[in-house]
Amino acid sequence: MSQSAKGMGIKVSAGGPYLVTGGVPLREARIHPEGPGYTWDPGRALPQSETYALCRCGLSHDKPFCDGSHRQADFAGTETANHQPYTERIDIVEGPQLRMGDDGRCAYARFCHGPAGDAWTQVATAQTPAEVAAATKVIDECPAGRLTRLDAQGNVLEPDLEPLVVIAQDPQNDCSAGIYVQGGIPLTDANGETYPVQNRYVLCRCADTKNTPFCDASHVNIGFDDGHING
């Protein structure tokens, strides 16, 4: 956990919402294609609070916030994700100048693509300082934390990110995306066990993921719409 995330946390409640505590800033943002890459565009303003509950059943009439709809729907939301540390889940991609970890948890945010190609292609070919910088950018901007840079000893090298929860929208795919969490905010499961802390991860809010509570891009397949894709 980063120093700035101390006192902050997200709790997966059994059959209910994500409970966010510690005054974590909340934003909405839209995934925006820019040339061959992607950027974040600001979304609508959201109310800020010391604590708040975010819908994960996909049924709230006040998205992204929970309104109790999970009770009427008898939502289970049973967690299926494992608690293995990131470095025990990854495949390692070796390049001439960079090593990249890949744990396969894709939220289909597409920030792993840039002018020089996708992250895998860039790692395999990057040699000059400019090429290494470009590859580093697409690795470090993966919201799901699927991709990370590794040093020679296999330690994860991460960008310094301020704690933030982002309600993501994906107008290009005409759907609402997951909940992007950055800054090493601890995530606790419904049984009270904390997942290994990661600097970046994306939580599901469409209730269709097969890797609960983490997003697996199912929102794209089902066309999940929280009513605010374009504003």
Protein backbone atom coordinates (compact mmCIF):
# COMPACT_ATOMS: atom_id res chain seq x y z
CA MET A 1 0.00 0.00 0.00
CA SER A 2 1.28 3.47 -0.87
CA GLN A 3 1.70 6.04 1.89
CA SER A 4 -1.04 8.18 0.32
CA ALA A 5 -3.52 5.27 0.42
CA LYS A 6 -3.21 4.76 4.19
CA GLY A 7 -6.62 4.72 5.83
CA MET A 8 -8.34 4.00 2.52
CA GLY A 9 -9.96 0.76 1.51
CA ILE A 10 -12.55 -1.03 -0.58
CA LYS A 11 -14.62 -3.87 0.86
CA VAL A 12 -16.60 -6.35 -1.23
CA SER A 13 -19.81 -6.82 0.74
CA ALA A 14 -21.47 -10.23 0.60
CA GLY A 15 -24.26 -10.04 -1.97
CA GLY A 16 -23.97 -6.27 -2.02
CA PRO A 17 -21.94 -3.27 -3.15
CA TYR A 18 -18.33 -2.19 -2.93
CA LEU A 19 -17.92 -0.17 0.26
CA VAL A 20 -15.29 2.54 -0.20
CA THR A 21 -13.85 4.19 2.90
CA GLY A 22 -11.18 6.74 3.73
CA GLY A 23 -12.25 9.60 1.49
CA VAL A 24 -11.06 8.12 -1.79
CA PRO A 25 -11.62 10.66 -4.60
CA LEU A 26 -14.26 9.52 -7.11
CA ARG A 27 -14.26 10.49 -10.77
CA GLU A 28 -15.96 9.51 -14.02
CA ALA A 29 -13.87 9.30 -17.19
CA ARG A 30 -14.30 8.14 -20.76
CA ILE A 31 -11.92 5.97 -22.75
CA HIS A 32 -11.13 8.07 -25.80
CA PRO A 33 -9.30 6.88 -28.94
CA GLU A 34 -6.53 9.25 -29.95
CA GLY A 35 -4.71 8.17 -33.09
CA PRO A 36 -3.53 4.59 -32.57
CA GLY A 37 -3.64 4.99 -28.77
CA TYR A 38 -6.06 5.98 -26.03
CA THR A 39 -6.52 8.72 -23.44
CA TRP A 40 -9.00 9.52 -20.66
CA ASP A 41 -11.57 12.25 -21.23
CA PRO A 42 -13.26 13.79 -18.17
CA GLY A 43 -16.78 12.59 -17.44
CA ARG A 44 -19.60 14.08 -15.42
CA ALA A 45 -18.94 15.34 -11.90
CA LEU A 46 -19.72 12.89 -9.12
CA PRO A 47 -20.41 13.69 -5.45
CA GLN A 48 -17.50 13.19 -3.07
CA SER A 49 -17.81 11.53 0.32
CA GLU A 50 -15.71 10.03 3.09
CA THR A 51 -17.53 6.73 2.53
CA TYR A 52 -19.70 5.55 -0.35
CA ALA A 53 -21.17 2.34 -1.77
CA LEU A 54 -20.74 1.48 -5.44
CA CYS A 55 -23.14 -0.82 -7.26
CA ARG A 56 -21.72 -4.17 -8.38
CA CYS A 57 -24.98 -5.95 -9.27
CA GLY A 58 -25.54 -3.68 -12.29
CA LEU A 59 -29.16 -3.01 -11.31
CA SER A 60 -29.07 0.21 -9.31
CA HIS A 61 -31.19 3.11 -10.57
CA ASP A 62 -28.59 5.51 -9.17
CA LYS A 63 -25.41 4.19 -10.81
CA PRO A 64 -22.61 4.21 -9.96
CA PHE A 65 -23.99 4.21 -6.44
CA CYS A 66 -25.83 1.36 -4.74
CA ASP A 67 -29.55 1.89 -4.13
CA GLY A 68 -30.34 -1.52 -2.60
CA SER A 69 -31.51 -3.14 -5.86
CA HIS A 70 -29.29 -6.15 -5.12
CA ARG A 71 -31.68 -7.17 -2.34
CA GLN A 72 -34.72 -7.39 -4.62
CA ALA A 73 -32.68 -9.26 -7.23
CA ASP A 74 -31.27 -11.74 -4.71
CA PHE A 75 -27.82 -10.92 -6.05
CA ALA A 76 -25.08 -13.31 -4.90
CA GLY A 77 -21.91 -11.89 -6.41
CA THR A 78 -19.84 -14.75 -5.03
CA GLU A 79 -16.14 -14.09 -5.48
CA THR A 80 -14.21 -16.44 -7.75
CA ALA A 81 -10.85 -14.66 -8.11
CA ASN A 82 -7.84 -16.20 -6.45
CA HIS A 83 -5.65 -14.45 -3.88
CA GLN A 84 -2.32 -15.32 -5.48
CA PRO A 85 0.20 -12.47 -5.47
CA TYR A 86 0.64 -10.81 -8.85
CA THR A 87 4.19 -12.10 -9.34
CA GLU A 88 2.98 -15.69 -8.90
CA ARG A 89 0.32 -15.32 -11.61
CA ILE A 90 2.31 -13.73 -14.38
CA ASP A 91 3.95 -14.78 -17.58
CA ILE A 92 7.13 -12.83 -18.28
CA VAL A 93 7.73 -11.20 -21.65
CA GLU A 94 11.43 -10.59 -22.32
CA GLY A 95 12.75 -7.86 -24.60
CA PRO A 96 16.19 -6.43 -25.34
CA GLN A 97 15.68 -3.56 -22.86
CA LEU A 98 12.49 -4.36 -20.95
CA ARG A 99 10.87 -7.20 -19.02
CA MET A 100 7.08 -7.20 -18.74
CA GLY A 101 4.75 -9.14 -16.46
CA ASP A 102 1.34 -10.21 -17.78
CA ASP A 103 -1.26 -11.80 -15.50
CA GLY A 104 -4.00 -11.99 -18.14
CA ARG A 105 -6.60 -9.91 -16.25
CA CYS A 106 -7.87 -7.82 -19.14
CA ALA A 107 -10.57 -5.15 -18.78
CA TYR A 108 -10.36 -4.23 -22.49
CA ALA A 109 -9.44 -0.62 -21.77
CA ARG A 110 -6.93 -0.78 -24.67
CA PHE A 111 -4.32 1.56 -23.17
CA CYS A 112 -1.78 -1.15 -24.00
CA HIS A 113 -1.87 0.13 -27.61
CA GLY A 114 0.19 3.06 -28.86
CA PRO A 115 1.75 4.54 -32.01
CA ALA A 116 4.46 1.86 -32.08
CA GLY A 117 2.07 -1.05 -31.63
CA ASP A 118 0.79 -2.99 -28.67
CA ALA A 119 2.77 -3.49 -25.46
CA TRP A 120 3.94 -7.00 -26.40
CA THR A 121 5.28 -5.86 -29.75
CA GLN A 122 6.98 -2.84 -28.24
CA VAL A 123 8.66 -4.80 -25.44
CA ALA A 124 9.99 -7.29 -27.96
CA THR A 125 11.52 -4.59 -30.17
CA ALA A 126 12.28 -1.52 -28.01
CA GLN A 127 15.99 -0.64 -27.94
CA THR A 128 16.47 3.12 -28.17
CA PRO A 129 15.58 5.42 -25.24
CA ALA A 130 12.57 6.74 -27.18
CA GLU A 131 11.32 3.23 -27.93
CA VAL A 132 11.77 2.19 -24.30
CA ALA A 133 9.87 5.29 -23.13
CA ALA A 134 7.00 4.54 -25.53
CA ALA A 135 6.80 0.93 -24.37
CA THR A 136 6.96 1.97 -20.74
CA LYS A 137 4.01 4.32 -21.29
CA VAL A 138 1.65 1.64 -22.65
CA ILE A 139 2.65 -0.80 -19.90
CA ASP A 140 2.20 1.70 -17.09
CA GLU A 141 -1.17 2.94 -18.38
CA CYS A 142 -2.91 -0.46 -18.29
CA PRO A 143 -5.76 0.24 -15.82
CA ALA A 144 -6.26 -3.42 -14.92
CA GLY A 145 -2.67 -3.77 -13.75
CA ARG A 146 -2.41 -6.76 -16.06
CA LEU A 147 0.86 -5.40 -17.41
CA THR A 148 3.81 -4.21 -15.34
CA ARG A 149 7.49 -3.57 -15.83
CA LEU A 150 9.86 -5.90 -14.01
CA ASP A 151 13.49 -5.43 -13.00
CA ALA A 152 16.15 -8.10 -13.47
CA GLN A 153 15.22 -9.69 -10.13
CA GLY A 154 11.51 -9.89 -11.03
CA ASN A 155 10.43 -7.00 -8.81
CA VAL A 156 7.48 -4.96 -10.08
CA LEU A 157 8.25 -1.38 -11.15
CA GLU A 158 5.16 0.80 -10.89
CA PRO A 159 4.29 4.43 -11.66
CA ASP A 160 3.51 6.66 -8.70
CA LEU A 161 -0.28 7.08 -8.79
CA GLU A 162 -2.45 9.02 -6.39
CA PRO A 163 -5.35 7.04 -4.88
CA LEU A 164 -8.43 7.40 -7.07
CA VAL A 165 -11.57 5.49 -8.06
CA VAL A 166 -12.66 6.02 -11.68
CA ILE A 167 -16.08 5.08 -13.05
CA ALA A 168 -15.12 4.22 -16.62
CA GLN A 169 -17.21 4.74 -19.73
CA ASP A 170 -16.38 3.33 -23.18
CA PRO A 171 -18.31 5.27 -25.86
CA GLN A 172 -16.28 3.67 -28.65
CA ASN A 173 -17.77 0.30 -27.72
CA ASP A 174 -21.13 1.82 -26.73
CA CYS A 175 -20.92 0.49 -23.19
CA SER A 176 -20.12 1.40 -19.62
CA ALA A 177 -16.84 -0.10 -18.42
CA GLY A 178 -15.58 -1.18 -15.00
CA ILE A 179 -14.36 0.64 -11.90
CA TYR A 180 -10.71 1.59 -12.27
CA VAL A 181 -8.88 1.76 -8.93
CA GLN A 182 -5.41 3.25 -8.73
CA GLY A 183 -2.88 4.16 -6.07
CA GLY A 184 -2.56 0.88 -4.18
CA ILE A 185 -5.92 1.01 -2.38
CA PRO A 186 -6.39 -2.26 -0.43
CA LEU A 187 -9.27 -4.51 -1.50
CA THR A 188 -10.89 -6.83 1.03
CA ASP A 189 -13.12 -9.74 0.11
CA ALA A 190 -16.50 -10.57 1.62
CA ASN A 191 -14.83 -12.89 4.17
CA GLY A 192 -12.50 -10.18 5.42
CA GLU A 193 -9.37 -11.39 3.63
CA THR A 194 -7.35 -8.72 1.85
CA TYR A 195 -6.30 -9.38 -1.72
CA PRO A 196 -2.60 -8.81 -2.47
CA VAL A 197 -2.30 -5.04 -2.85
CA GLN A 198 -1.88 -3.80 -6.43
CA ASN A 199 -1.26 -0.30 -7.67
CA ARG A 200 -3.88 -0.67 -10.40
CA TYR A 201 -6.93 -2.90 -10.83
CA VAL A 202 -10.42 -2.80 -12.36
CA LEU A 203 -13.53 -4.04 -10.55
CA CYS A 204 -16.61 -5.41 -12.30
CA ARG A 205 -19.89 -3.49 -12.05
CA CYS A 206 -21.93 -5.31 -14.71
CA ALA A 207 -22.18 -8.53 -12.62
CA ASP A 208 -21.22 -10.70 -15.61
CA THR A 209 -17.52 -11.25 -14.93
CA LYS A 210 -16.24 -14.79 -14.51
CA ASN A 211 -13.46 -13.53 -12.22
CA THR A 212 -15.45 -11.76 -9.50
CA PRO A 213 -14.79 -9.11 -8.26
CA PHE A 214 -12.37 -8.19 -11.06
CA CYS A 215 -13.46 -7.01 -14.50
CA ASP A 216 -12.93 -9.46 -17.37
CA ALA A 217 -14.36 -7.19 -20.12
CA SER A 218 -17.78 -8.88 -20.04
CA HIS A 219 -19.36 -5.40 -20.06
CA VAL A 220 -18.40 -5.15 -23.74
CA ASN A 221 -20.02 -8.45 -24.67
CA ILE A 222 -23.31 -7.68 -22.89
CA GLY A 223 -23.38 -3.98 -23.82
CA PHE A 224 -23.64 -2.87 -20.20
CA ASP A 225 -25.17 0.62 -19.98
CA ASP A 226 -25.31 2.60 -16.74
CA GLY A 227 -27.21 5.41 -18.47
CA HIS A 228 -24.21 7.73 -18.71
CA ILE A 229 -22.06 6.36 -21.54
CA ASN A 230 -21.99 9.72 -23.31
CA GLY A 231 -22.79 12.01 -20.42
